[in-house]
C-alpha atoms as a PDB file:
ATOM      1  CA  UNK A   1      -7.923  -7.162 -29.008  1.00  0.00           C
ATOM      2  CA  UNK A   2     -10.811  -9.480 -28.151  1.00  0.00           C
ATOM      3  CA  UNK A   3     -13.863  -8.575 -26.106  1.00  0.00           C
ATOM      4  CA  UNK A   4     -12.557 -10.455 -23.085  1.00  0.00           C
ATOM      5  CA  UNK A   5      -9.222  -8.636 -23.221  1.00  0.00           C
ATOM      6  CA  UNK A   6     -10.960  -5.275 -23.518  1.00  0.00           C
ATOM      7  CA  UNK A   7     -13.169  -5.988 -20.515  1.00  0.00           C
ATOM      8  CA  UNK A   8     -10.135  -7.175 -18.560  1.00  0.00           C
ATOM      9  CA  UNK A   9      -8.297  -3.907 -19.221  1.00  0.00           C
ATOM     10  CA  UNK A  10     -11.371  -1.815 -18.377  1.00  0.00           C
ATOM     11  CA  UNK A  11     -11.904  -3.728 -15.131  1.00  0.00           C
ATOM     12  CA  UNK A  12      -8.254  -3.369 -14.205  1.00  0.00           C
ATOM     13  CA  UNK A  13      -8.247   0.350 -14.995  1.00  0.00           C
ATOM     14  CA  UNK A  14     -11.403   0.893 -12.934  1.00  0.00           C
ATOM     15  CA  UNK A  15      -9.838  -1.014 -10.045  1.00  0.00           C
ATOM     16  CA  UNK A  16      -6.787   1.225 -10.354  1.00  0.00           C
ATOM     17  CA  UNK A  17      -8.970   4.328 -10.076  1.00  0.00           C
ATOM     18  CA  UNK A  18     -10.554   3.036  -6.873  1.00  0.00           C
ATOM     19  CA  UNK A  19      -7.190   1.857  -5.510  1.00  0.00           C
ATOM     20  CA  UNK A  20      -5.553   5.216  -6.189  1.00  0.00           C
ATOM     21  CA  UNK A  21      -8.488   6.986  -4.583  1.00  0.00           C
ATOM     22  CA  UNK A  22      -8.188   4.824  -1.470  1.00  0.00           C
ATOM     23  CA  UNK A  23      -4.418   5.166  -1.230  1.00  0.00           C
ATOM     24  CA  UNK A  24      -4.508   8.959  -1.263  1.00  0.00           C
ATOM     25  CA  UNK A  25      -7.349   9.308   1.240  1.00  0.00           C
ATOM     26  CA  UNK A  26      -6.313   6.562   3.654  1.00  0.00           C
ATOM     27  CA  UNK A  27      -4.577   3.461   2.292  1.00  0.00           C
ATOM     28  CA  UNK A  28      -5.368  -0.111   1.372  1.00  0.00           C
ATOM     29  CA  UNK A  29      -5.743   0.293  -2.377  1.00  0.00           C
ATOM     30  CA  UNK A  30      -3.483  -2.688  -3.042  1.00  0.00           C
ATOM     31  CA  UNK A  31      -5.914  -4.847  -1.104  1.00  0.00           C
ATOM     32  CA  UNK A  32      -8.209  -4.287  -4.090  1.00  0.00           C
ATOM     33  CA  UNK A  33      -5.791  -4.177  -7.025  1.00  0.00           C
ATOM     34  CA  UNK A  34      -3.724  -7.215  -6.011  1.00  0.00           C
ATOM     35  CA  UNK A  35      -6.688  -9.620  -5.751  1.00  0.00           C
ATOM     36  CA  UNK A  36      -8.063  -8.188  -9.019  1.00  0.00           C
ATOM     37  CA  UNK A  37      -4.823  -9.078 -10.813  1.00  0.00           C
ATOM     38  CA  UNK A  38      -5.057 -12.582  -9.350  1.00  0.00           C
ATOM     39  CA  UNK A  39      -8.717 -12.921 -10.345  1.00  0.00           C
ATOM     40  CA  UNK A  40      -7.810 -11.840 -13.899  1.00  0.00           C
ATOM     41  CA  UNK A  41      -5.494 -14.818 -14.195  1.00  0.00           C
ATOM     42  CA  UNK A  42      -2.002 -13.707 -13.194  1.00  0.00           C
ATOM     43  CA  UNK A  43      -0.040 -16.064 -10.950  1.00  0.00           C
ATOM     44  CA  UNK A  44       0.178 -14.712  -7.410  1.00  0.00           C
ATOM     45  CA  UNK A  45       3.860 -13.767  -7.537  1.00  0.00           C
ATOM     46  CA  UNK A  46       3.450 -12.039 -10.919  1.00  0.00           C
ATOM     47  CA  UNK A  47       0.368 -10.164  -9.686  1.00  0.00           C
ATOM     48  CA  UNK A  48       2.364  -9.081  -6.655  1.00  0.00           C
ATOM     49  CA  UNK A  49       5.174  -7.756  -8.859  1.00  0.00           C
ATOM     50  CA  UNK A  50       2.866  -6.139 -11.427  1.00  0.00           C
ATOM     51  CA  UNK A  51       1.008  -4.226  -8.724  1.00  0.00           C
ATOM     52  CA  UNK A  52       4.284  -2.515  -7.748  1.00  0.00           C
ATOM     53  CA  UNK A  53       4.374  -0.589 -11.053  1.00  0.00           C
ATOM     54  CA  UNK A  54       1.119   1.187 -10.189  1.00  0.00           C
ATOM     55  CA  UNK A  55       2.232   1.901  -6.623  1.00  0.00           C
ATOM     56  CA  UNK A  56       5.574   3.258  -7.811  1.00  0.00           C
ATOM     57  CA  UNK A  57       4.003   5.637 -10.362  1.00  0.00           C
ATOM     58  CA  UNK A  58       1.319   6.766  -7.923  1.00  0.00           C
ATOM     59  CA  UNK A  59       3.813   7.676  -5.221  1.00  0.00           C
ATOM     60  CA  UNK A  60       6.072   9.615  -7.586  1.00  0.00           C
ATOM     61  CA  UNK A  61       3.166  12.017  -8.106  1.00  0.00           C
ATOM     62  CA  UNK A  62       2.246  11.971  -4.410  1.00  0.00           C
ATOM     63  CA  UNK A  63       5.774  12.896  -3.309  1.00  0.00           C
ATOM     64  CA  UNK A  64       5.857  15.691  -5.896  1.00  0.00           C
ATOM     65  CA  UNK A  65       2.522  16.985  -4.596  1.00  0.00           C
ATOM     66  CA  UNK A  66       3.694  17.141  -0.971  1.00  0.00           C
ATOM     67  CA  UNK A  67       6.941  18.781  -2.042  1.00  0.00           C
ATOM     68  CA  UNK A  68       5.117  21.484  -4.010  1.00  0.00           C
ATOM     69  CA  UNK A  69       2.874  22.197  -1.016  1.00  0.00           C
ATOM     70  CA  UNK A  70       5.903  22.687   1.231  1.00  0.00           C
ATOM     71  CA  UNK A  71       4.948  19.806   3.543  1.00  0.00           C
ATOM     72  CA  UNK A  72       7.736  17.282   3.427  1.00  0.00           C
ATOM     73  CA  UNK A  73       9.783  16.197   6.486  1.00  0.00           C
ATOM     74  CA  UNK A  74      12.794  14.865   4.590  1.00  0.00           C
ATOM     75  CA  UNK A  75      14.844  13.998   7.686  1.00  0.00           C
ATOM     76  CA  UNK A  76      12.174  11.839   9.324  1.00  0.00           C
ATOM     77  CA  UNK A  77      11.219  10.389   5.957  1.00  0.00           C
ATOM     78  CA  UNK A  78      14.766   9.217   5.243  1.00  0.00           C
ATOM     79  CA  UNK A  79      15.108   7.876   8.796  1.00  0.00           C
ATOM     80  CA  UNK A  80      12.046   5.690   8.273  1.00  0.00           C
ATOM     81  CA  UNK A  81      12.830   4.804   4.666  1.00  0.00           C
ATOM     82  CA  UNK A  82      16.339   3.417   5.279  1.00  0.00           C
ATOM     83  CA  UNK A  83      15.349   0.348   7.366  1.00  0.00           C
ATOM     84  CA  UNK A  84      12.192  -0.122   5.278  1.00  0.00           C
ATOM     85  CA  UNK A  85      14.314  -0.282   2.125  1.00  0.00           C
ATOM     86  CA  UNK A  86      16.467  -3.062   3.596  1.00  0.00           C
ATOM     87  CA  UNK A  87      13.449  -4.971   4.862  1.00  0.00           C
ATOM     88  CA  UNK A  88      11.669  -4.732   1.512  1.00  0.00           C
ATOM     89  CA  UNK A  89      14.461  -6.618  -0.262  1.00  0.00           C
ATOM     90  CA  UNK A  90      14.015  -9.517   2.137  1.00  0.00           C
ATOM     91  CA  UNK A  91      10.221  -9.400   1.884  1.00  0.00           C
ATOM     92  CA  UNK A  92      10.192  -9.300  -1.914  1.00  0.00           C
ATOM     93  CA  UNK A  93      12.639 -12.193  -2.107  1.00  0.00           C
ATOM     94  CA  UNK A  94      10.348 -14.258   0.107  1.00  0.00           C
ATOM     95  CA  UNK A  95       7.327 -13.348  -2.020  1.00  0.00           C
ATOM     96  CA  UNK A  96       8.980 -14.529  -5.243  1.00  0.00           C
ATOM     97  CA  UNK A  97       9.414 -18.081  -3.921  1.00  0.00           C
ATOM     98  CA  UNK A  98       6.227 -18.530  -1.897  1.00  0.00           C
ATOM     99  CA  UNK A  99       3.663 -21.155  -2.882  1.00  0.00           C
ATOM    100  CA  UNK A 100       0.750 -19.540  -4.764  1.00  0.00           C
ATOM    101  CA  UNK A 101      -2.032 -21.044  -2.637  1.00  0.00           C
ATOM    102  CA  UNK A 102      -0.204 -20.129   0.573  1.00  0.00           C
ATOM    103  CA  UNK A 103       0.158 -16.563  -0.678  1.00  0.00           C
ATOM    104  CA  UNK A 104      -3.590 -16.307  -1.339  1.00  0.00           C
ATOM    105  CA  UNK A 105      -4.328 -17.601   2.158  1.00  0.00           C
ATOM    106  CA  UNK A 106      -1.901 -15.136   3.740  1.00  0.00           C
ATOM    107  CA  UNK A 107      -3.372 -12.260   1.733  1.00  0.00           C
ATOM    108  CA  UNK A 108      -6.858 -13.173   2.911  1.00  0.00           C
ATOM    109  CA  UNK A 109      -5.778 -13.192   6.554  1.00  0.00           C
ATOM    110  CA  UNK A 110      -3.986  -9.863   6.064  1.00  0.00           C
ATOM    111  CA  UNK A 111      -7.284  -8.417   4.857  1.00  0.00           C
ATOM    112  CA  UNK A 112      -9.114  -9.792   7.890  1.00  0.00           C
ATOM    113  CA  UNK A 113      -6.401  -8.392  10.180  1.00  0.00           C
ATOM    114  CA  UNK A 114      -6.756  -4.925   8.651  1.00  0.00           C
ATOM    115  CA  UNK A 115     -10.534  -5.149   9.086  1.00  0.00           C
ATOM    116  CA  UNK A 116     -10.115  -5.955  12.779  1.00  0.00           C
ATOM    117  CA  UNK A 117      -7.588  -3.145  13.201  1.00  0.00           C
ATOM    118  CA  UNK A 118      -9.939  -0.611  11.624  1.00  0.00           C
ATOM    119  CA  UNK A 119     -12.816  -1.830  13.796  1.00  0.00           C
ATOM    120  CA  UNK A 120     -10.840  -1.690  17.082  1.00  0.00           C
ATOM    121  CA  UNK A 121      -9.024   1.578  16.184  1.00  0.00           C
ATOM    122  CA  UNK A 122      -6.632   1.519  19.187  1.00  0.00           C
ATOM    123  CA  UNK A 123      -4.901   4.758  18.124  1.00  0.00           C
ATOM    124  CA  UNK A 124      -7.925   6.916  18.974  1.00  0.00           C
ATOM    125  CA  UNK A 125      -7.405   6.177  22.683  1.00  0.00           C
ATOM    126  CA  UNK A 126      -3.888   7.687  22.609  1.00  0.00           C
ATOM    127  CA  UNK A 127      -2.702  11.303  22.675  1.00  0.00           C
ATOM    128  CA  UNK A 128       0.352  11.454  20.367  1.00  0.00           C
ATOM    129  CA  UNK A 129       0.999  15.089  21.298  1.00  0.00           C
ATOM    130  CA  UNK A 130       2.379  13.999  24.685  1.00  0.00           C
ATOM    131  CA  UNK A 131       4.957  11.600  23.175  1.00  0.00           C
ATOM    132  CA  UNK A 132       8.627  12.645  22.838  1.00  0.00           C
ATOM    133  CA  UNK A 133      11.185  11.049  20.502  1.00  0.00           C
ATOM    134  CA  UNK A 134      13.699   9.535  22.949  1.00  0.00           C
ATOM    135  CA  UNK A 135      16.658   7.383  21.759  1.00  0.00           C
ATOM    136  CA  UNK A 136      14.700   4.280  22.737  1.00  0.00           C
ATOM    137  CA  UNK A 137      11.700   5.458  20.744  1.00  0.00           C
ATOM    138  CA  UNK A 138      13.930   6.163  17.720  1.00  0.00           C
ATOM    139  CA  UNK A 139      15.315   2.620  17.970  1.00  0.00           C
ATOM    140  CA  UNK A 140      11.786   1.234  18.112  1.00  0.00           C
ATOM    141  CA  UNK A 141      10.876   3.389  15.106  1.00  0.00           C
ATOM    142  CA  UNK A 142      13.789   1.985  13.073  1.00  0.00           C
ATOM    143  CA  UNK A 143      12.944  -1.607  13.988  1.00  0.00           C
ATOM    144  CA  UNK A 144       9.267  -1.084  13.235  1.00  0.00           C
ATOM    145  CA  UNK A 145      10.055   0.294   9.788  1.00  0.00           C
ATOM    146  CA  UNK A 146      12.380  -2.616   9.060  1.00  0.00           C
ATOM    147  CA  UNK A 147       9.335  -4.820   9.714  1.00  0.00           C
ATOM    148  CA  UNK A 148       7.189  -2.460   7.616  1.00  0.00           C
ATOM    149  CA  UNK A 149       9.690  -2.967   4.783  1.00  0.00           C
ATOM    150  CA  UNK A 150       9.538  -6.759   5.061  1.00  0.00           C
ATOM    151  CA  UNK A 151       5.742  -6.678   4.991  1.00  0.00           C
ATOM    152  CA  UNK A 152       5.639  -4.107   2.185  1.00  0.00           C
ATOM    153  CA  UNK A 153       8.131  -6.023   0.083  1.00  0.00           C
ATOM    154  CA  UNK A 154       6.219  -9.232   0.675  1.00  0.00           C
ATOM    155  CA  UNK A 155       2.591  -8.161   0.190  1.00  0.00           C
ATOM    156  CA  UNK A 156       2.248  -4.334  -0.135  1.00  0.00           C
ATOM    157  CA  UNK A 157      -1.519  -4.427   0.520  1.00  0.00           C
ATOM    158  CA  UNK A 158      -2.486  -2.518   3.671  1.00  0.00           C
ATOM    159  CA  UNK A 159       1.027  -1.217   4.331  1.00  0.00           C
ATOM    160  CA  UNK A 160      -0.275   2.364   4.364  1.00  0.00           C
ATOM    161  CA  UNK A 161      -2.431   1.612   7.399  1.00  0.00           C
ATOM    162  CA  UNK A 162       0.549   0.044   9.166  1.00  0.00           C
ATOM    163  CA  UNK A 163       2.761   3.060   8.456  1.00  0.00           C
ATOM    164  CA  UNK A 164       0.088   5.489   9.675  1.00  0.00           C
ATOM    165  CA  UNK A 165      -0.296   3.487  12.883  1.00  0.00           C
ATOM    166  CA  UNK A 166       3.482   3.259  13.410  1.00  0.00           C
ATOM    167  CA  UNK A 167       3.911   7.021  13.081  1.00  0.00           C
ATOM    168  CA  UNK A 168       0.820   8.077  15.025  1.00  0.00           C
ATOM    169  CA  UNK A 169       2.188   6.447  18.158  1.00  0.00           C
ATOM    170  CA  UNK A 170       5.362   8.519  17.736  1.00  0.00           C
ATOM    171  CA  UNK A 171       3.557  11.844  17.929  1.00  0.00           C
ATOM    172  CA  UNK A 172       3.394  12.945  14.288  1.00  0.00           C
ATOM    173  CA  UNK A 173       0.397  14.757  12.813  1.00  0.00           C
ATOM    174  CA  UNK A 174      -1.484  13.249   9.878  1.00  0.00           C
ATOM    175  CA  UNK A 175      -0.187  15.746   7.322  1.00  0.00           C
ATOM    176  CA  UNK A 176       3.444  14.836   7.989  1.00  0.00           C
ATOM    177  CA  UNK A 177       2.541  11.171   8.384  1.00  0.00           C
ATOM    178  CA  UNK A 178       1.097  11.016   4.879  1.00  0.00           C
ATOM    179  CA  UNK A 179       4.115  12.819   3.438  1.00  0.00           C
ATOM    180  CA  UNK A 180       6.463  10.312   5.090  1.00  0.00           C
ATOM    181  CA  UNK A 181       4.209   7.427   4.075  1.00  0.00           C
ATOM    182  CA  UNK A 182       4.369   8.156   0.348  1.00  0.00           C
ATOM    183  CA  UNK A 183       8.146   8.672   0.480  1.00  0.00           C
ATOM    184  CA  UNK A 184       8.770   5.407   2.340  1.00  0.00           C
ATOM    185  CA  UNK A 185       6.455   3.444   0.047  1.00  0.00           C
ATOM    186  CA  UNK A 186       8.020   4.992  -3.071  1.00  0.00           C
ATOM    187  CA  UNK A 187      11.533   3.957  -2.032  1.00  0.00           C
ATOM    188  CA  UNK A 188      10.837   0.431  -0.853  1.00  0.00           C
ATOM    189  CA  UNK A 189       8.508  -0.180  -3.798  1.00  0.00           C
ATOM    190  CA  UNK A 190      11.374   0.669  -6.151  1.00  0.00           C
ATOM    191  CA  UNK A 191      13.636  -1.909  -4.504  1.00  0.00           C
ATOM    192  CA  UNK A 192      10.903  -4.560  -4.316  1.00  0.00           C
ATOM    193  CA  UNK A 193       9.943  -3.947  -7.961  1.00  0.00           C
ATOM    194  CA  UNK A 194      13.575  -4.469  -8.975  1.00  0.00           C
ATOM    195  CA  UNK A 195      13.529  -7.891  -7.292  1.00  0.00           C
ATOM    196  CA  UNK A 196      10.316  -8.925  -9.058  1.00  0.00           C
ATOM    197  CA  UNK A 197      11.690  -7.665 -12.401  1.00  0.00           C
ATOM    198  CA  UNK A 198      14.893  -9.654 -11.891  1.00  0.00           C
ATOM    199  CA  UNK A 199      12.867 -12.858 -11.463  1.00  0.00           C
ATOM    200  CA  UNK A 200      10.543 -12.082 -14.399  1.00  0.00           C
ATOM    201  CA  UNK A 201       7.493 -11.629 -12.177  1.00  0.00           C
ATOM    202  CA  UNK A 202       6.093  -8.431 -13.753  1.00  0.00           C
ATOM    203  CA  UNK A 203       3.475  -8.006 -16.482  1.00  0.00           C
ATOM    204  CA  UNK A 204       4.411  -4.569 -17.815  1.00  0.00           C
ATOM    205  CA  UNK A 205       1.334  -4.011 -19.984  1.00  0.00           C
ATOM    206  CA  UNK A 206      -1.146  -4.715 -17.183  1.00  0.00           C
ATOM    207  CA  UNK A 207       1.029  -2.818 -14.728  1.00  0.00           C
ATOM    208  CA  UNK A 208       0.901   0.331 -16.849  1.00  0.00           C
ATOM    209  CA  UNK A 209      -2.883   0.053 -17.283  1.00  0.00           C
ATOM    210  CA  UNK A 210      -3.258  -0.265 -13.528  1.00  0.00           C
ATOM    211  CA  UNK A 211      -0.831   2.629 -12.993  1.00  0.00           C
ATOM    212  CA  UNK A 212      -2.904   4.907 -15.216  1.00  0.00           C
ATOM    213  CA  UNK A 213      -5.987   4.074 -13.154  1.00  0.00           C
ATOM    214  CA  UNK A 214      -4.139   4.673  -9.887  1.00  0.00           C
ATOM    215  CA  UNK A 215      -2.971   8.075 -11.099  1.00  0.00           C
ATOM    216  CA  UNK A 216      -6.512   9.075 -12.097  1.00  0.00           C
ATOM    217  CA  UNK A 217      -7.955   7.895  -8.775  1.00  0.00           C
ATOM    218  CA  UNK A 218      -5.311   9.788  -6.849  1.00  0.00           C
ATOM    219  CA  UNK A 219      -6.048  12.964  -8.800  1.00  0.00           C
ATOM    220  CA  UNK A 220      -9.772  12.673  -8.020  1.00  0.00           C
ATOM    221  CA  UNK A 221      -9.094  12.018  -4.319  1.00  0.00           C
ATOM    222  CA  UNK A 222      -6.818  15.045  -4.055  1.00  0.00           C
ATOM    223  CA  UNK A 223      -9.786  17.281  -4.884  1.00  0.00           C
ATOM    224  CA  UNK A 224     -11.961  15.915  -2.071  1.00  0.00           C
ATOM    225  CA  UNK A 225     -11.971  16.756   1.621  1.00  0.00           C
ATOM    226  CA  UNK A 226      -9.972  14.063   3.448  1.00  0.00           C
ATOM    227  CA  UNK A 227     -12.263  14.093   6.452  1.00  0.00           C
ATOM    228  CA  UNK A 228     -15.410  13.529   4.434  1.00  0.00           C
ATOM    229  CA  UNK A 229     -13.875  10.947   2.140  1.00  0.00           C
ATOM    230  CA  UNK A 230     -12.167   8.878   4.832  1.00  0.00           C
ATOM    231  CA  UNK A 231     -15.328   7.942   6.756  1.00  0.00           C
ATOM    232  CA  UNK A 232     -17.124   6.933   3.577  1.00  0.00           C
ATOM    233  CA  UNK A 233     -14.129   5.041   2.224  1.00  0.00           C
ATOM    234  CA  UNK A 234     -13.720   3.061   5.473  1.00  0.00           C
ATOM    235  CA  UNK A 235     -17.255   1.693   5.141  1.00  0.00           C
ATOM    236  CA  UNK A 236     -16.842   0.764   1.478  1.00  0.00           C
ATOM    237  CA  UNK A 237     -13.367  -0.667   2.037  1.00  0.00           C
ATOM    238  CA  UNK A 238     -14.560  -2.860   4.909  1.00  0.00           C
ATOM    239  CA  UNK A 239     -17.255  -4.447   2.745  1.00  0.00           C
ATOM    240  CA  UNK A 240     -14.917  -5.013  -0.206  1.00  0.00           C
ATOM    241  CA  UNK A 241     -12.136  -6.415   1.991  1.00  0.00           C
ATOM    242  CA  UNK A 242     -14.509  -8.873   3.625  1.00  0.00           C
ATOM    243  CA  UNK A 243     -15.843 -10.043   0.256  1.00  0.00           C
ATOM    244  CA  UNK A 244     -12.389 -10.468  -1.261  1.00  0.00           C
ATOM    245  CA  UNK A 245     -10.965 -12.181   1.828  1.00  0.00           C
ATOM    246  CA  UNK A 246     -13.807 -14.716   1.736  1.00  0.00           C
ATOM    247  CA  UNK A 247     -13.249 -15.196  -2.002  1.00  0.00           C
ATOM    248  CA  UNK A 248      -9.536 -15.875  -1.518  1.00  0.00           C
ATOM    249  CA  UNK A 249     -10.165 -18.264   1.378  1.00  0.00           C
ATOM    250  CA  UNK A 250     -12.987 -20.244  -0.207  1.00  0.00           C
ATOM    251  CA  UNK A 251     -13.055 -19.138  -3.867  1.00  0.00           C
END
């Protein structure tokens, strides 16, 4: 292995650690790992597919952790996962065929959108405890998670923030939200990964290196207080997202 290859693997592993750390505390880790794969030379579609290996492995351990702790709302999780699974197949199929430069532009604007969402933080002005799950609200929930699946299958990056927002407005607490989030992402990532594998858009070696980093980052994050880590991570994430979005738009 040459020096360049060694540095590439070390950089990718380090990115995986940070991405896993972010994903466990809040979300958005793929907004770092996906551009890193692109910057390391993978075509956009292949980077998109390769990133799914790390997300899949990470969420296997996350689901197991919630299950061991006794915090896992299976019924709500399956309700959200079913439409997301269908949507992810459509999203992944679109991602396989998209023009590489267009994908980079879309990813950059996704990053900017997440930045604006975090800055505005509309959820803090709502009181989810007063919201009841009516049939209409359940229908809206199903439709919203179908859209979540399309987005997650297409890009993946930032989908955790979208899921958290979608569930907060339906009156769930953050503990249950995160349990549902990792279950939904695990299931639709499996289906999206299958699509990318079918079209040969996965680099297994780099995916496993990234997965190892994600697992390590998630383990570190699980031993930190979520409240303390989240505020710090939001500041760091905002700076990194802005830098990477600018790089993708004008790099």
